[in-house]
N, C-alpha and C. Protein backbone atom coordinates (compact mmCIF):
# COMPACT_ATOMS: atom_id res chain seq x y z
N MET A 1 -27.23 11.17 8.61
CA MET A 1 -26.48 12.15 8.32
C MET A 1 -26.92 13.19 9.89
N THR A 2 -25.93 13.59 10.21
CA THR A 2 -26.43 14.57 11.13
C THR A 2 -25.54 15.71 11.25
N GLU A 3 -25.75 16.98 10.87
CA GLU A 3 -25.02 18.28 10.46
C GLU A 3 -24.00 18.70 11.36
N ARG A 4 -23.81 18.20 12.76
CA ARG A 4 -23.01 18.63 13.48
C ARG A 4 -22.15 17.44 13.37
N ARG A 5 -22.30 16.10 13.42
CA ARG A 5 -21.00 15.22 13.33
C ARG A 5 -20.47 15.34 12.05
N LEU A 6 -21.05 15.38 10.45
CA LEU A 6 -20.75 15.94 9.79
C LEU A 6 -19.79 17.16 9.77
N ALA A 7 -20.00 18.12 10.22
CA ALA A 7 -19.19 19.28 10.32
C ALA A 7 -17.77 18.90 11.33
N GLU A 8 -18.10 18.17 11.93
CA GLU A 8 -16.66 17.73 13.43
C GLU A 8 -15.98 16.91 12.17
N LEU A 9 -16.36 15.88 11.46
CA LEU A 9 -15.25 15.13 10.84
C LEU A 9 -14.88 16.09 9.69
N LEU A 10 -15.82 17.03 9.07
CA LEU A 10 -15.20 17.70 7.97
C LEU A 10 -13.87 18.61 8.41
N ALA A 11 -14.30 19.26 10.02
CA ALA A 11 -13.00 19.84 10.22
C ALA A 11 -11.98 19.33 10.72
N THR A 12 -11.83 18.13 11.11
CA THR A 12 -10.65 16.95 11.48
C THR A 12 -10.12 16.60 10.21
N ARG A 13 -10.68 17.21 9.26
CA ARG A 13 -10.13 16.75 7.61
C ARG A 13 -9.41 17.96 7.08
N GLU A 14 -9.86 18.81 7.92
CA GLU A 14 -8.94 20.22 7.48
C GLU A 14 -9.86 20.82 6.68
N HIS A 15 -10.80 20.76 6.31
CA HIS A 15 -11.73 21.27 5.73
C HIS A 15 -12.35 23.07 6.27
N ASP A 16 -12.96 23.83 5.93
CA ASP A 16 -12.96 24.98 6.52
C ASP A 16 -14.77 25.15 6.52
N VAL A 17 -15.19 25.15 7.65
CA VAL A 17 -16.45 24.52 8.06
C VAL A 17 -17.02 25.24 9.00
N GLU A 18 -18.08 25.60 8.78
CA GLU A 18 -19.33 26.56 9.31
C GLU A 18 -20.95 26.30 9.19
N ARG A 19 -21.38 25.85 10.38
CA ARG A 19 -22.74 25.19 10.27
C ARG A 19 -23.41 26.60 10.65
N SER A 20 -24.91 26.73 9.67
CA SER A 20 -25.33 27.96 9.55
C SER A 20 -25.84 28.33 11.38
N VAL A 21 -26.38 27.12 11.83
CA VAL A 21 -26.53 27.80 13.43
C VAL A 21 -25.56 28.12 14.28
N ARG A 22 -24.66 28.12 14.12
CA ARG A 22 -23.51 28.78 14.81
C ARG A 22 -23.13 29.84 14.00
N VAL A 23 -23.34 30.63 12.96
CA VAL A 23 -22.93 31.64 12.44
C VAL A 23 -24.04 32.68 12.97
N ASP A 24 -23.33 33.54 13.71
CA ASP A 24 -24.38 35.14 14.02
C ASP A 24 -25.18 35.42 13.60
N GLU A 25 -25.18 35.76 12.24
CA GLU A 25 -26.09 36.50 11.45
C GLU A 25 -26.81 35.49 10.97
N LEU A 26 -26.76 34.08 10.95
CA LEU A 26 -27.60 33.46 10.70
C LEU A 26 -28.72 32.42 11.51
N GLY A 27 -28.12 31.66 12.19
CA GLY A 27 -28.71 30.81 13.46
C GLY A 27 -30.08 29.85 12.91
N ARG A 28 -30.79 29.20 13.85
CA ARG A 28 -31.53 28.40 13.77
C ARG A 28 -32.98 29.02 13.18
N GLY A 29 -33.54 28.63 11.92
CA GLY A 29 -34.55 28.94 11.37
C GLY A 29 -34.71 30.00 10.18
N THR A 30 -33.18 30.33 10.01
CA THR A 30 -32.79 31.37 9.00
C THR A 30 -33.32 30.90 7.30
N ASP A 31 -34.45 31.73 6.89
CA ASP A 31 -34.54 31.53 5.68
C ASP A 31 -33.41 31.05 4.64
N ASP A 32 -33.90 30.50 3.54
CA ASP A 32 -32.95 29.90 2.39
C ASP A 32 -32.43 31.42 1.90
N ALA A 33 -32.94 32.09 1.33
CA ALA A 33 -32.41 32.93 0.66
C ALA A 33 -31.08 34.00 1.95
N THR A 34 -31.48 33.79 2.59
CA THR A 34 -30.31 34.71 3.77
C THR A 34 -29.09 33.69 4.16
N ILE A 35 -29.67 32.46 4.05
CA ILE A 35 -28.45 31.43 3.86
C ILE A 35 -27.41 31.52 2.43
N VAL A 36 -28.50 31.65 1.48
CA VAL A 36 -27.65 31.67 0.02
C VAL A 36 -26.71 33.21 -0.15
N ALA A 37 -27.52 34.01 0.40
CA ALA A 37 -26.30 35.12 0.43
C ALA A 37 -25.26 35.37 1.29
N TYR A 38 -25.40 34.79 2.48
CA TYR A 38 -24.36 34.59 3.31
C TYR A 38 -23.16 34.02 2.69
N ALA A 39 -23.94 32.66 1.99
CA ALA A 39 -22.93 31.50 1.66
C ALA A 39 -21.92 32.50 0.38
N ALA A 40 -22.90 33.16 -0.55
CA ALA A 40 -22.23 33.65 -1.45
C ALA A 40 -21.11 35.07 -1.20
N ARG A 41 -21.58 35.79 -0.11
CA ARG A 41 -20.90 36.74 0.59
C ARG A 41 -19.29 35.86 0.84
N ALA A 42 -19.64 35.05 1.72
CA ALA A 42 -18.44 34.34 2.14
C ALA A 42 -17.69 33.23 1.37
N GLU A 43 -17.85 33.06 0.27
CA GLU A 43 -17.87 32.33 -0.47
C GLU A 43 -17.48 30.68 -0.06
N ARG A 44 -18.42 30.36 0.14
CA ARG A 44 -18.91 28.95 0.66
C ARG A 44 -19.72 28.45 -0.08
N LEU A 45 -19.04 26.84 0.15
CA LEU A 45 -19.82 26.09 -0.56
C LEU A 45 -21.07 25.43 0.58
N LEU A 46 -22.56 25.16 0.37
CA LEU A 46 -23.19 24.61 1.12
C LEU A 46 -23.38 22.98 0.90
N VAL A 47 -23.28 22.17 1.95
CA VAL A 47 -23.85 21.16 1.81
C VAL A 47 -25.22 20.69 2.43
N THR A 48 -26.25 20.18 1.61
CA THR A 48 -27.15 20.06 2.42
C THR A 48 -28.28 18.63 1.67
N TYR A 49 -29.10 18.30 1.96
CA TYR A 49 -30.20 17.22 1.38
C TYR A 49 -31.44 17.82 1.17
N ASP A 50 -31.51 19.24 1.44
CA ASP A 50 -32.51 20.00 0.98
C ASP A 50 -32.50 20.52 -0.69
N ASP A 51 -33.81 19.87 -1.20
CA ASP A 51 -33.76 20.40 -2.41
C ASP A 51 -34.08 21.79 -2.75
N ASP A 52 -34.52 22.47 -1.84
CA ASP A 52 -35.19 23.88 -1.81
C ASP A 52 -33.73 24.86 -2.41
N PHE A 53 -32.43 24.31 -2.28
CA PHE A 53 -31.41 25.16 -2.87
C PHE A 53 -30.85 24.45 -4.24
N LEU A 54 -31.86 23.70 -4.83
CA LEU A 54 -31.62 23.65 -6.09
C LEU A 54 -32.16 24.51 -7.13
N ASP A 55 -32.65 25.35 -6.77
CA ASP A 55 -33.44 26.59 -8.09
C ASP A 55 -32.50 27.13 -8.37
N PRO A 56 -32.62 27.19 -9.80
CA PRO A 56 -31.27 27.77 -10.76
C PRO A 56 -31.00 29.20 -10.09
N SER A 57 -31.71 29.99 -9.44
CA SER A 57 -31.10 30.99 -9.02
C SER A 57 -30.33 31.11 -7.86
N VAL A 58 -30.50 29.90 -7.18
CA VAL A 58 -29.42 29.74 -6.10
C VAL A 58 -28.18 29.23 -6.77
N LEU A 59 -28.02 28.26 -7.65
CA LEU A 59 -27.22 27.52 -8.48
C LEU A 59 -25.84 28.36 -9.10
N GLY A 60 -26.54 29.41 -9.36
CA GLY A 60 -25.92 30.02 -10.21
C GLY A 60 -24.78 31.59 -9.44
N ARG A 61 -24.79 31.26 -8.14
CA ARG A 61 -24.60 32.07 -7.19
C ARG A 61 -23.46 31.32 -6.22
N ILE A 62 -23.42 30.14 -5.69
CA ILE A 62 -22.91 29.34 -4.89
C ILE A 62 -22.64 27.91 -5.42
N GLY A 63 -21.97 27.16 -4.53
CA GLY A 63 -21.72 26.04 -4.77
C GLY A 63 -22.76 24.93 -4.00
N VAL A 64 -23.17 23.90 -4.46
CA VAL A 64 -24.15 23.22 -3.78
C VAL A 64 -23.74 21.72 -3.89
N LEU A 65 -23.48 21.15 -2.74
CA LEU A 65 -23.13 19.79 -2.56
C LEU A 65 -24.41 19.11 -2.03
N VAL A 66 -25.04 18.33 -2.82
CA VAL A 66 -25.97 17.53 -2.04
C VAL A 66 -25.86 16.11 -1.90
N GLN A 67 -26.36 15.72 -0.60
CA GLN A 67 -26.62 14.32 -0.27
C GLN A 67 -27.87 13.76 -0.59
N PRO A 68 -28.08 13.39 -1.67
CA PRO A 68 -29.52 12.79 -1.84
C PRO A 68 -30.23 11.87 -0.63
N ASN A 69 -29.52 11.34 -0.14
CA ASN A 69 -30.06 10.28 0.82
C ASN A 69 -29.36 10.60 2.50
N GLU A 70 -30.73 11.04 3.06
CA GLU A 70 -30.37 12.13 4.29
C GLU A 70 -29.52 10.25 5.18
N ARG A 71 -29.95 9.18 5.15
CA ARG A 71 -29.89 8.32 5.89
C ARG A 71 -28.17 7.71 5.80
N THR A 72 -27.74 8.36 4.60
CA THR A 72 -26.07 8.19 4.81
C THR A 72 -25.32 8.56 5.47
N SER A 73 -24.76 7.73 6.22
CA SER A 73 -23.68 8.20 7.56
C SER A 73 -22.62 8.98 7.38
N SER A 74 -22.43 10.21 8.21
CA SER A 74 -21.87 11.36 8.48
C SER A 74 -20.42 10.95 7.62
N PHE A 75 -20.12 10.04 8.37
CA PHE A 75 -18.17 9.41 7.89
C PHE A 75 -18.43 9.29 6.39
N ARG A 76 -19.53 8.62 5.95
CA ARG A 76 -19.60 8.28 4.46
C ARG A 76 -20.02 9.47 3.60
N THR A 77 -20.58 10.53 3.98
CA THR A 77 -20.37 11.76 3.46
C THR A 77 -19.41 12.65 3.59
N ALA A 78 -18.77 12.65 4.69
CA ALA A 78 -17.34 12.98 4.45
C ALA A 78 -16.47 12.75 3.61
N ASN A 79 -16.28 11.21 3.34
CA ASN A 79 -15.49 10.35 2.48
C ASN A 79 -15.86 11.21 1.06
N MET A 80 -17.37 11.28 0.87
CA MET A 80 -17.65 11.83 -0.45
C MET A 80 -17.23 13.45 -0.48
N ILE A 81 -17.16 13.98 0.49
CA ILE A 81 -16.92 15.45 0.08
C ILE A 81 -15.31 15.30 0.04
N ASP A 82 -14.74 14.77 0.36
CA ASP A 82 -13.41 14.44 0.28
C ASP A 82 -12.97 14.37 -1.10
N GLY A 83 -13.77 13.05 -1.66
CA GLY A 83 -13.39 12.66 -3.01
C GLY A 83 -14.05 13.97 -4.01
N VAL A 84 -14.95 14.86 -3.63
CA VAL A 84 -15.21 15.98 -4.65
C VAL A 84 -14.24 17.02 -4.43
N ALA A 85 -13.63 17.42 -3.00
CA ALA A 85 -12.13 18.01 -3.01
C ALA A 85 -10.99 18.16 -3.74
N THR A 86 -11.28 16.56 -3.88
CA THR A 86 -9.88 16.00 -4.59
C THR A 86 -9.97 16.44 -6.41
N ALA A 87 -11.19 15.74 -6.86
CA ALA A 87 -11.45 15.96 -8.03
C ALA A 87 -11.42 17.31 -8.37
N MET A 88 -12.25 18.65 -7.56
CA MET A 88 -12.74 19.80 -8.29
C MET A 88 -11.98 20.93 -7.27
N ALA A 89 -11.92 21.64 -7.79
CA ALA A 89 -11.39 22.96 -7.11
C ALA A 89 -12.37 23.47 -6.68
N GLN A 90 -12.73 24.55 -5.39
CA GLN A 90 -14.14 25.07 -5.00
C GLN A 90 -14.89 26.04 -6.30
N GLU A 91 -13.96 26.58 -7.09
CA GLU A 91 -14.21 27.66 -8.12
C GLU A 91 -15.02 26.56 -9.20
N GLN A 92 -14.61 25.16 -9.26
CA GLN A 92 -15.36 24.41 -10.21
C GLN A 92 -16.67 23.87 -9.85
N VAL A 93 -16.91 23.79 -8.34
CA VAL A 93 -18.49 23.47 -7.98
C VAL A 93 -19.15 24.66 -7.91
N VAL A 94 -18.26 25.97 -8.03
CA VAL A 94 -19.70 27.25 -7.81
C VAL A 94 -20.05 27.45 -9.42
N ASP A 95 -18.99 27.26 -10.04
CA ASP A 95 -19.01 27.76 -11.66
C ASP A 95 -20.06 26.62 -12.47
N HIS A 96 -20.32 25.40 -11.73
CA HIS A 96 -20.61 24.03 -11.81
C HIS A 96 -22.37 24.25 -12.64
N ASP A 97 -22.88 23.96 -13.82
CA ASP A 97 -24.06 24.47 -14.05
C ASP A 97 -25.02 23.76 -12.92
N ASP A 98 -24.73 22.80 -12.51
CA ASP A 98 -25.95 22.09 -11.71
C ASP A 98 -25.27 21.68 -10.07
N ALA A 99 -25.92 21.35 -9.48
CA ALA A 99 -25.61 20.88 -8.08
C ALA A 99 -24.82 19.88 -8.21
N VAL A 100 -23.40 19.54 -7.40
CA VAL A 100 -22.82 18.32 -7.11
C VAL A 100 -23.46 17.66 -6.28
N TYR A 101 -23.86 15.91 -6.64
CA TYR A 101 -24.49 15.01 -5.72
C TYR A 101 -23.66 14.08 -5.60
N LEU A 102 -23.49 13.90 -4.20
CA LEU A 102 -22.41 13.13 -3.26
C LEU A 102 -22.96 11.54 -3.67
N GLY A 103 -22.52 11.05 -3.61
CA GLY A 103 -22.67 9.35 -4.22
C GLY A 103 -21.55 8.85 -4.23
N GLU A 104 -21.61 7.51 -4.52
CA GLU A 104 -20.70 6.22 -4.36
C GLU A 104 -19.42 6.68 -5.90
N ARG A 105 -19.70 7.60 -6.71
CA ARG A 105 -18.65 7.92 -7.93
C ARG A 105 -17.67 8.85 -6.75
N TRP A 106 -18.06 9.38 -5.86
CA TRP A 106 -16.94 10.05 -5.19
C TRP A 106 -16.07 9.29 -4.41
N LEU A 107 -16.45 7.99 -4.25
CA LEU A 107 -15.50 7.35 -2.66
C LEU A 107 -14.25 6.75 -3.86
């Protein structure tokens, strides 16, 4: 999965997408706490394969979608995210007690 390709696919499917490296106040190398603060303030969900965002202090503030297998194609990951978006409102993902793990069940 490449972040750029996944963002492009999601944008063509009318998801409102921002990549942290393209956000003026974030950029490449931004620490996780700053990314979480931005996501909370901007009411963004976070798509990641980085388990650093699974800390309980994060999960209560933002919705996290986790792709546990970073070898899954961007296309397949986008399909999984579409499945989540169909089944759950963004508020449900944010209010969820745990991260939402992307996998076969969302296809």
